[in-house]
Protein backbone atom coordinates (compact mmCIF):
# COMPACT_ATOMS: atom_id res chain seq x y z
CA MET A 1 94.25 77.99 48.40
CA ARG A 2 95.58 76.57 45.08
CA MET A 3 98.40 74.07 45.22
CA PHE A 4 99.32 74.49 41.56
CA PRO A 5 98.85 77.24 39.03
CA LEU A 6 96.12 76.85 36.48
CA GLN A 7 98.74 77.08 33.69
CA CYS A 8 102.32 75.99 33.58
CA THR A 9 104.95 74.94 31.03
CA ILE A 10 108.49 73.52 30.99
CA GLY A 11 111.24 76.14 31.07
CA CYS A 12 113.18 74.95 28.01
CA SER A 13 113.02 72.37 25.24
CA VAL A 14 113.70 68.73 26.10
CA VAL A 15 114.47 65.70 23.91
CA VAL A 16 113.22 62.29 24.98
CA GLU A 17 114.37 59.12 23.08
CA GLY A 18 113.46 55.50 23.66
CA GLN A 19 111.56 52.58 22.62
CA GLY A 20 107.98 53.07 21.32
CA LEU A 21 105.18 51.88 23.70
CA HIS A 22 103.56 49.47 21.35
CA SER A 23 105.77 49.22 18.19
CA GLY A 24 109.09 48.80 20.06
CA LYS A 25 110.68 50.99 17.42
CA GLU A 26 113.21 53.82 18.40
CA VAL A 27 111.32 57.00 18.77
CA ARG A 28 112.27 60.66 19.52
CA VAL A 29 110.06 63.36 20.93
CA THR A 30 111.07 66.91 21.41
CA LEU A 31 108.99 68.94 23.97
CA PHE A 32 108.88 72.74 23.70
CA PRO A 33 107.63 75.29 26.17
CA GLY A 34 104.04 76.39 25.35
CA LYS A 35 102.64 79.90 24.94
CA VAL A 36 99.92 81.37 27.30
CA ASN A 37 96.55 79.70 26.69
CA GLN A 38 97.95 77.46 23.95
CA GLY A 39 97.22 74.16 25.57
CA ILE A 40 98.99 70.95 24.46
CA VAL A 41 99.72 70.82 20.66
CA PHE A 42 101.40 68.10 18.70
CA ARG A 43 103.49 69.34 15.77
CA VAL A 44 104.21 66.20 13.63
CA LEU A 45 107.41 66.33 11.45
CA CYS A 46 107.70 62.85 10.23
CA GLY A 47 108.76 62.46 6.55
CA GLU A 48 105.89 63.72 4.35
CA ARG A 49 103.59 63.81 7.26
CA LYS A 50 103.58 67.32 8.67
CA GLY A 51 100.85 69.09 10.61
CA VAL A 52 99.49 70.38 13.83
CA ILE A 53 97.06 68.58 16.22
CA PRO A 54 95.62 70.21 19.34
CA ALA A 55 95.10 67.73 22.26
CA LEU A 56 91.34 68.39 22.22
CA PHE A 57 88.29 66.10 22.23
CA PRO A 58 87.19 66.93 18.70
CA TYR A 59 90.39 65.45 17.34
CA ALA A 60 90.19 62.24 19.32
CA VAL A 61 89.63 59.04 17.31
CA LEU A 62 88.66 55.54 18.55
CA GLY A 63 91.48 53.19 18.37
CA TYR A 64 91.95 49.61 19.31
CA ARG A 65 93.71 49.64 22.76
CA SER A 66 95.24 53.04 21.96
CA THR A 67 94.73 56.75 22.03
CA LEU A 68 94.73 58.54 18.75
CA LEU A 69 94.54 62.25 17.72
CA LYS A 70 93.87 63.05 14.09
CA ASN A 71 93.77 66.22 12.07
CA GLY A 72 93.29 65.52 8.37
CA GLU A 73 95.90 62.89 7.38
CA VAL A 74 98.20 63.57 10.39
CA ILE A 75 97.85 61.23 13.27
CA VAL A 76 99.51 61.05 16.72
CA ALA A 77 98.95 57.72 18.45
CA THR A 78 100.33 55.42 21.15
CA GLU A 79 99.86 52.51 18.85
CA GLY A 80 102.56 50.95 16.59
């Protein structure tokens, strides 16, 4: 008996605002429902930096006390 479905997503978009984990800067993240079999995908829209990064191992980069995902010049990280 499974307790949770293998796939699930949020029902509608959600905006989360607050202080950055390491930088202390004000940050804003919008979460959108995913499509079937899409997995977690980061869409970066920050000034000139625009791109898509799947949350998959091949995109993981070693960081100093942080988690980074990189696709070309676009980076998503928990660091400042």
